[in-house]
Amino acid sequence: MVGRPKLDRVDVMMLGPSGVGKTSLLAAMYEQFAENVHATNLTLVPDKSSHDLLEKRLRELRSIPDAFVMKGWMPGTKQGQSFHFRIGKNGNEDDGTFVEEDADEKSKDSKLAVCFHDFPGGDMSSDDPAHRRRVLNLLREARAVFVAIDTPALLERGGKWHDKVNQPARVTRLFQEAYGGMDSETLDQRLVVFCPLRCERYAEVSPTTGVRYKNQRERRSLGDAVEVGYASLMRFFQESELFREKVALVVTPVQTIGGVRLTRVEENKDENASTFYFRHVGVGPGYGPVDTDQPLRYLLRFILQSYVSRQETEWGPFKRMRRWFGVDEELVAAAQQFANGCKLSEDFRILQGDELLGMALES
């Protein structure tokens, strides 16, 4: 459509080894967004291809059996996928999706595009140079990175399986290689969100009863566990003045399924492997995700604060956002209302970069 400005796009990378739940997290975030924005005038609209892929994964999540082994129950990502969304105001008369050919016509009130990039977790450790280059290029270009973490592997038996399952050393090396050559001119503001998944057993509060678990005094906070489990990566970001200034670090646990608990772990010493068994608990449906909105809230908060901090300075990659925020106050208010729902607690914490996440947005 002639004369319509190109949308601003924020790229987000889903980072984690195979089988930790990156695609399931994305599907649950998409579904729960709609349930958490009813009090605002905000929409998150996927393109048709993204909608179809996410709905397929949601059907798999909703069909959760009463007892299951996490790996093998759902197929992993076989090839790289990009999920395109547009954030805008409610009230468009369309079918809830868009395609590139008629995107301008069907998303007239969408001012911001968000693209989530998912890839096969095996690419992290692949010997294929092309796979490694793809991962590093995504990491360099993404304004935000969601690091998916298998929580049972992080916590059970003192983190016995953390190195093998979550591969924190490999994750750290990827960040070091991707960010290592950047300086104040080439590194723009970034957000890294650590997302402990499958954390139902370790949550602060039961999602079904609303009360604290009986072992609360003995439990180790997920925030502490992430800081210890990714200590080398934390040092990489926190010991550099440039990264302290430019990179925000957040921990947001997500109960991707909700109504399940880890029941036992079996080791197979011959295969140097372990099997994690889960079971549906309670009388309700097995699928009942909790806190899947939190990574999106922090992402939107980061984007909003980027606008605030650049309002009187050089806008850089956000320069066209001046038009969005400057003209559409109603949209800004809706986005700010949603972003201000970020949780803060022992488990939900900002490790670095409070100013990049806009504490002033609370006012």
Protein backbone atom coordinates (compact mmCIF):
# COMPACT_ATOMS: atom_id res chain seq x y z
CA MET A 1 0.00 0.00 0.00
CA VAL A 2 1.64 3.22 -1.15
CA GLY A 3 2.70 5.65 1.54
CA ARG A 4 2.46 3.29 4.52
CA PRO A 5 5.69 3.26 6.58
CA LYS A 6 7.59 0.02 6.99
CA LEU A 7 7.06 -1.68 10.35
CA ASP A 8 9.85 -1.70 12.92
CA ARG A 9 10.98 -5.24 13.68
CA VAL A 10 12.56 -6.66 16.81
CA ASP A 11 14.29 -10.02 16.37
CA VAL A 12 14.19 -12.47 19.28
CA MET A 13 16.25 -15.66 19.38
CA MET A 14 15.12 -18.82 21.18
CA LEU A 15 18.38 -20.33 22.46
CA GLY A 16 18.82 -23.75 24.01
CA PRO A 17 19.83 -27.35 23.30
CA SER A 18 17.52 -29.87 21.69
CA GLY A 19 14.54 -30.97 23.75
CA VAL A 20 14.56 -28.27 26.46
CA GLY A 21 11.25 -26.81 25.26
CA LYS A 22 11.98 -23.73 23.13
CA THR A 23 9.09 -24.18 20.70
CA SER A 24 6.66 -25.19 23.46
CA LEU A 25 7.56 -22.01 25.35
CA LEU A 26 6.85 -19.92 22.27
CA ALA A 27 3.48 -21.63 21.70
CA ALA A 28 2.44 -21.18 25.33
CA MET A 29 3.51 -17.52 25.31
CA TYR A 30 1.41 -16.88 22.23
CA GLU A 31 -1.67 -18.56 23.72
CA GLN A 32 -1.42 -16.93 27.13
CA PHE A 33 -0.85 -13.46 25.71
CA ALA A 34 -4.46 -13.36 24.55
CA GLU A 35 -5.66 -14.34 28.02
CA ASN A 36 -3.59 -11.69 29.77
CA VAL A 37 -4.31 -8.62 27.65
CA HIS A 38 -8.11 -8.51 27.96
CA ALA A 39 -7.79 -5.43 30.17
CA THR A 40 -5.67 -3.63 27.59
CA ASN A 41 -6.15 -2.63 23.96
CA LEU A 42 -3.18 -4.64 22.75
CA THR A 43 -2.99 -7.41 20.14
CA LEU A 44 -0.33 -9.91 19.14
CA VAL A 45 -1.16 -11.14 15.63
CA PRO A 46 0.86 -13.95 13.97
CA ASP A 47 1.21 -14.47 10.26
CA LYS A 48 -0.70 -17.48 8.93
CA SER A 49 2.31 -19.80 8.77
CA SER A 50 3.32 -18.99 12.36
CA HIS A 51 -0.27 -19.39 13.54
CA ASP A 52 -0.54 -22.86 11.98
CA LEU A 53 2.78 -24.06 13.42
CA LEU A 54 1.99 -22.77 16.92
CA GLU A 55 -1.51 -24.22 16.91
CA LYS A 56 -0.05 -27.60 16.02
CA ARG A 57 2.30 -27.44 19.00
CA LEU A 58 -0.54 -26.26 21.27
CA ARG A 59 -2.63 -29.28 20.25
CA GLU A 60 0.29 -31.48 21.29
CA LEU A 61 0.59 -29.69 24.63
CA ARG A 62 -3.14 -29.99 25.30
CA SER A 63 -3.06 -33.71 24.60
CA ILE A 64 -0.62 -34.36 27.42
CA PRO A 65 -0.95 -37.93 28.79
CA ASP A 66 -1.32 -38.64 32.52
CA ALA A 67 2.25 -39.90 32.69
CA PHE A 68 5.04 -39.29 30.22
CA VAL A 69 8.74 -38.99 29.55
CA MET A 70 9.46 -35.44 28.42
CA LYS A 71 11.87 -36.30 25.61
CA GLY A 72 10.10 -38.40 23.04
CA TRP A 73 6.58 -37.28 23.95
CA MET A 74 6.71 -34.35 21.53
CA PRO A 75 8.86 -34.03 18.40
CA GLY A 76 11.74 -31.58 18.48
CA THR A 77 12.39 -28.85 15.95
CA LYS A 78 13.81 -30.40 12.78
CA GLN A 79 14.72 -27.19 10.96
CA GLY A 80 15.02 -23.50 11.62
CA GLN A 81 11.72 -21.62 11.87
CA SER A 82 10.82 -17.96 12.22
CA PHE A 83 7.56 -16.90 13.83
CA HIS A 84 6.32 -13.45 12.78
CA PHE A 85 3.99 -11.34 14.94
CA ARG A 86 2.64 -7.82 14.84
CA ILE A 87 1.82 -5.82 17.93
CA GLY A 88 -0.91 -3.27 17.59
CA LYS A 89 -4.26 -2.01 18.84
CA ASN A 90 -7.35 -4.15 19.21
CA GLY A 91 -10.26 -3.61 16.87
CA ASN A 92 -9.01 -4.73 13.46
CA GLU A 93 -11.62 -6.56 11.46
CA ASP A 94 -9.63 -9.49 10.13
CA ASP A 95 -9.28 -13.24 10.68
CA GLY A 96 -6.62 -12.94 13.35
CA THR A 97 -3.67 -13.63 11.03
CA PHE A 98 -1.89 -11.86 8.20
CA VAL A 99 0.13 -12.78 5.12
CA GLU A 100 2.82 -10.68 3.56
CA GLU A 101 0.78 -9.77 0.48
CA ASP A 102 -1.99 -8.09 2.42
CA ALA A 103 -0.19 -7.38 5.67
CA ASP A 104 -0.51 -3.61 5.37
CA GLU A 105 -4.20 -3.86 4.58
CA LYS A 106 -5.09 -6.32 7.34
CA SER A 107 -2.80 -4.95 10.07
CA LYS A 108 -3.34 -1.21 9.75
CA ASP A 109 -2.99 -0.60 13.47
CA SER A 110 0.11 -2.82 13.89
CA LYS A 111 3.13 -0.61 14.43
CA LEU A 112 5.74 -3.11 15.61
CA ALA A 113 6.81 -6.48 14.20
CA VAL A 114 8.39 -9.09 16.46
CA CYS A 115 10.09 -12.09 14.92
CA PHE A 116 11.00 -15.11 17.08
CA HIS A 117 13.72 -17.28 15.56
CA ASP A 118 13.72 -20.95 16.60
CA PHE A 119 16.29 -23.47 15.44
CA PRO A 120 17.15 -27.16 16.03
CA GLY A 121 18.95 -27.35 19.35
CA GLY A 122 21.47 -29.72 17.80
CA ASP A 123 22.84 -26.82 15.75
CA MET A 124 24.43 -25.50 18.95
CA SER A 125 26.84 -28.42 19.03
CA SER A 126 26.95 -29.24 15.33
CA ASP A 127 30.29 -29.72 13.60
CA ASP A 128 28.75 -28.28 10.43
CA PRO A 129 30.23 -24.76 9.96
CA ALA A 130 27.04 -23.60 8.23
CA HIS A 131 24.91 -24.54 11.26
CA ARG A 132 27.28 -22.76 13.63
CA ARG A 133 27.36 -19.63 11.47
CA ARG A 134 23.56 -19.57 11.43
CA VAL A 135 23.37 -19.73 15.22
CA LEU A 136 26.03 -17.04 15.67
CA ASN A 137 24.45 -14.73 13.10
CA LEU A 138 21.08 -15.02 14.85
CA LEU A 139 22.72 -14.30 18.18
CA ARG A 140 24.49 -11.21 16.86
CA GLU A 141 21.39 -9.79 15.20
CA ALA A 142 18.76 -10.54 17.86
CA ARG A 143 17.83 -7.64 20.14
CA ALA A 144 16.57 -10.15 22.70
CA VAL A 145 17.51 -13.75 23.50
CA PHE A 146 15.31 -16.18 25.45
CA VAL A 147 17.56 -18.86 26.97
CA ALA A 148 15.46 -21.98 27.55
CA ILE A 149 16.54 -24.03 30.59
CA ASP A 150 15.51 -27.55 31.62
CA THR A 151 14.84 -26.94 35.33
CA PRO A 152 14.90 -30.56 36.58
CA ALA A 153 18.33 -30.99 35.01
CA LEU A 154 19.42 -27.71 36.64
CA LEU A 155 18.22 -28.64 40.14
CA GLU A 156 17.84 -32.38 40.65
CA ARG A 157 20.63 -34.06 42.65
CA GLY A 158 22.61 -30.87 42.89
CA GLY A 159 22.46 -30.14 39.18
CA LYS A 160 23.96 -33.48 38.21
CA TRP A 161 22.57 -33.34 34.67
CA HIS A 162 22.77 -29.59 34.09
CA ASP A 163 25.99 -29.59 32.06
CA LYS A 164 24.87 -32.44 29.83
CA VAL A 165 21.28 -31.30 29.23
CA ASN A 166 21.46 -27.48 29.29
CA GLN A 167 25.04 -27.15 28.01
CA PRO A 168 25.79 -23.88 29.86
CA ALA A 169 29.45 -23.89 28.77
CA ARG A 170 28.42 -24.08 25.11
CA VAL A 171 25.81 -21.34 25.59
CA THR A 172 28.49 -19.16 27.18
CA ARG A 173 30.94 -19.75 24.32
CA LEU A 174 28.30 -18.80 21.76
CA PHE A 175 27.66 -15.47 23.53
CA GLN A 176 31.39 -14.85 23.87
CA GLU A 177 31.98 -15.47 20.17
CA ALA A 178 28.93 -13.50 19.03
CA TYR A 179 29.40 -10.48 21.33
CA GLY A 180 33.15 -10.57 21.85
CA GLY A 181 34.09 -8.35 18.91
CA MET A 182 31.48 -5.69 19.56
CA ASP A 183 32.12 -2.23 20.96
CA SER A 184 29.98 0.71 22.04
CA GLU A 185 29.35 1.64 18.42
CA THR A 186 28.31 -1.80 17.17
CA LEU A 187 26.51 -3.21 20.23
CA ASP A 188 23.04 -1.80 20.72
CA GLN A 189 20.93 -2.44 23.80
CA ARG A 190 20.15 -6.12 24.36
CA LEU A 191 17.91 -8.22 26.57
CA VAL A 192 18.78 -11.76 27.72
CA VAL A 193 15.93 -13.63 29.44
CA PHE A 194 16.75 -16.87 31.26
CA CYS A 195 13.61 -19.04 31.23
CA PRO A 196 13.66 -22.06 33.57
CA LEU A 197 11.05 -24.41 32.05
CA ARG A 198 9.28 -27.49 33.48
CA CYS A 199 9.68 -25.85 36.88
CA GLU A 200 6.28 -26.83 38.31
CA ARG A 201 7.86 -28.86 41.11
CA TYR A 202 10.04 -25.96 42.23
CA ALA A 203 7.63 -23.02 41.95
CA GLU A 204 7.22 -20.58 44.81
CA VAL A 205 3.45 -20.98 44.89
CA SER A 206 1.17 -23.81 43.80
CA PRO A 207 -0.80 -22.69 40.73
CA THR A 208 -3.77 -24.82 41.76
CA THR A 209 -4.12 -23.86 45.45
CA GLY A 210 -2.30 -20.53 45.57
CA VAL A 211 -0.36 -21.53 48.72
CA ARG A 212 3.34 -21.95 49.22
CA TYR A 213 4.72 -25.46 48.93
CA LYS A 214 5.53 -27.37 52.11
CA ASN A 215 9.23 -27.59 51.29
CA GLN A 216 9.47 -23.82 50.80
CA ARG A 217 12.11 -23.38 53.49
CA GLU A 218 14.29 -26.05 51.92
CA ARG A 219 13.78 -25.10 48.28
CA ARG A 220 16.46 -23.31 46.37
CA SER A 221 15.18 -20.26 44.53
CA LEU A 222 15.21 -20.56 40.77
CA GLY A 223 16.89 -17.17 40.54
CA ASP A 224 19.82 -18.40 42.65
CA ALA A 225 19.99 -21.66 40.71
CA VAL A 226 20.24 -19.87 37.37
CA GLU A 227 22.96 -17.53 38.63
CA VAL A 228 25.03 -20.48 39.86
CA GLY A 229 24.32 -22.74 36.90
CA TYR A 230 25.30 -20.04 34.40
CA ALA A 231 28.03 -18.44 36.52
CA SER A 232 30.54 -18.20 33.66
CA LEU A 233 28.02 -16.46 31.42
CA MET A 234 27.07 -14.10 34.25
CA ARG A 235 30.72 -13.15 34.72
CA PHE A 236 31.09 -12.53 30.98
CA PHE A 237 28.25 -10.01 31.08
CA GLN A 238 28.87 -8.50 34.51
CA GLU A 239 32.63 -7.97 34.38
CA SER A 240 32.45 -5.84 31.24
CA GLU A 241 31.53 -2.18 31.59
CA LEU A 242 30.13 -2.25 28.05
CA PHE A 243 27.85 -5.21 28.75
CA ARG A 244 26.77 -3.84 32.13
CA GLU A 245 25.64 -0.72 30.30
CA LYS A 246 24.11 -2.37 27.25
CA VAL A 247 22.79 -5.82 28.25
CA ALA A 248 19.88 -6.48 30.61
CA LEU A 249 19.70 -9.90 32.29
CA VAL A 250 16.43 -11.30 33.62
CA VAL A 251 15.22 -14.59 35.11
CA THR A 252 11.58 -15.50 34.44
CA PRO A 253 10.54 -19.08 35.32
CA VAL A 254 7.75 -20.51 33.17
CA GLN A 255 5.48 -23.44 33.98
CA THR A 256 4.97 -24.40 30.34
CA ILE A 257 2.44 -27.14 31.10
CA GLY A 258 1.36 -26.31 34.65
CA GLY A 259 -0.58 -29.35 35.83
CA VAL A 260 2.32 -31.79 35.97
CA ARG A 261 5.13 -32.70 38.36
CA LEU A 262 8.44 -34.46 37.97
CA THR A 263 8.07 -37.81 39.78
CA ARG A 264 11.43 -39.54 39.33
CA VAL A 265 14.67 -39.67 37.41
CA GLU A 266 16.20 -42.91 36.18
CA GLU A 267 19.83 -43.24 35.15
CA ASN A 268 21.14 -45.50 32.42
CA LYS A 269 24.82 -45.71 33.17
CA ASP A 270 25.54 -47.84 30.12
CA GLU A 271 24.26 -45.09 27.85
CA ASN A 272 25.44 -42.21 30.07
CA ALA A 273 21.88 -40.88 29.95
CA SER A 274 18.97 -40.16 32.25
CA THR A 275 15.21 -40.26 31.86
CA PHE A 276 12.90 -37.72 33.53
CA TYR A 277 9.38 -38.94 34.31
CA PHE A 278 6.44 -36.56 34.77
CA ARG A 279 2.86 -37.12 35.90
CA HIS A 280 -0.35 -35.12 35.77
CA VAL A 281 -1.42 -33.97 39.26
CA GLY A 282 -4.75 -32.60 40.50
CA VAL A 283 -8.22 -33.03 39.07
CA GLY A 284 -8.12 -30.41 36.31
CA PRO A 285 -6.66 -30.64 32.82
CA GLY A 286 -2.98 -31.52 32.53
CA TYR A 287 -2.26 -28.46 30.41
CA GLY A 288 -2.52 -25.27 32.44
CA PRO A 289 0.50 -23.05 31.80
CA VAL A 290 1.57 -20.49 34.39
CA ASP A 291 3.63 -17.31 33.92
CA THR A 292 4.11 -17.81 30.19
CA ASP A 293 3.27 -14.13 29.76
CA GLN A 294 6.30 -12.98 31.77
CA PRO A 295 9.01 -13.21 29.06
CA LEU A 296 6.76 -11.19 26.72
CA ARG A 297 6.10 -8.59 29.42
CA TYR A 298 9.82 -8.12 29.96
CA LEU A 299 10.41 -7.94 26.22
CA LEU A 300 7.81 -5.23 25.78
CA ARG A 301 9.16 -3.38 28.80
CA PHE A 302 12.60 -3.43 27.21
CA ILE A 303 11.23 -2.05 23.93
CA LEU A 304 9.30 0.68 25.72
CA GLN A 305 12.31 1.78 27.72
CA SER A 306 14.39 1.91 24.55
CA TYR A 307 11.91 4.50 23.33
CA VAL A 308 12.10 6.47 26.59
CA SER A 309 15.90 6.50 26.74
CA ARG A 310 16.28 7.57 23.11
CA GLN A 311 13.53 10.14 23.02
CA GLU A 312 15.95 13.05 23.24
CA THR A 313 19.00 11.28 21.79
CA GLU A 314 20.04 9.30 18.77
CA TRP A 315 17.32 6.75 17.97
CA GLY A 316 19.47 4.33 15.95
CA PRO A 317 17.50 1.14 15.10
CA PHE A 318 14.50 2.57 16.96
CA LYS A 319 14.29 5.83 15.02
CA ARG A 320 11.02 4.94 13.27
CA MET A 321 9.45 4.10 16.64
CA ARG A 322 9.23 7.85 17.25
CA ARG A 323 6.34 7.86 14.79
CA TRP A 324 4.66 4.93 16.56
CA PHE A 325 4.92 6.24 20.10
CA GLY A 326 4.59 9.89 19.21
CA VAL A 327 1.33 9.50 17.33
CA ASP A 328 -0.47 6.62 19.00
CA GLU A 329 -0.76 7.38 22.71
CA GLU A 330 -3.52 4.82 23.13
CA LEU A 331 -1.25 2.06 21.90
CA VAL A 332 1.59 3.23 24.15
CA ALA A 333 -0.70 3.17 27.17
CA ALA A 334 -1.86 -0.36 26.37
CA ALA A 335 1.70 -1.60 25.88
CA GLN A 336 2.86 0.08 29.09
CA GLN A 337 -0.01 -1.42 31.08
CA PHE A 338 0.91 -4.90 29.89
CA ALA A 339 4.65 -4.35 30.42
CA ASN A 340 4.14 -3.15 34.00
CA GLY A 341 2.84 -6.62 34.92
CA CYS A 342 6.41 -7.98 35.18
CA LYS A 343 6.88 -10.06 38.32
CA LEU A 344 9.74 -9.51 40.77
CA SER A 345 10.54 -12.02 43.54
CA GLU A 346 13.19 -14.55 44.58
CA ASP A 347 12.51 -16.48 41.40
CA PHE A 348 11.64 -13.59 39.05
CA ARG A 349 14.53 -11.19 39.16
CA ILE A 350 16.47 -8.60 37.22
CA LEU A 351 20.14 -9.54 37.45
CA GLN A 352 21.45 -6.57 35.51
CA GLY A 353 20.21 -3.57 33.60
CA ASP A 354 17.34 -2.13 35.67
CA GLU A 355 17.66 1.09 33.70
CA LEU A 356 17.28 -0.79 30.40
CA LEU A 357 13.97 -2.16 31.65
CA GLY A 358 12.57 1.19 32.63
CA MET A 359 11.83 1.36 36.33
CA ALA A 360 10.40 4.79 35.45
CA LEU A 361 7.65 3.02 33.53
CA GLU A 362 6.00 2.19 36.86
CA SER A 363 5.12 5.84 37.41
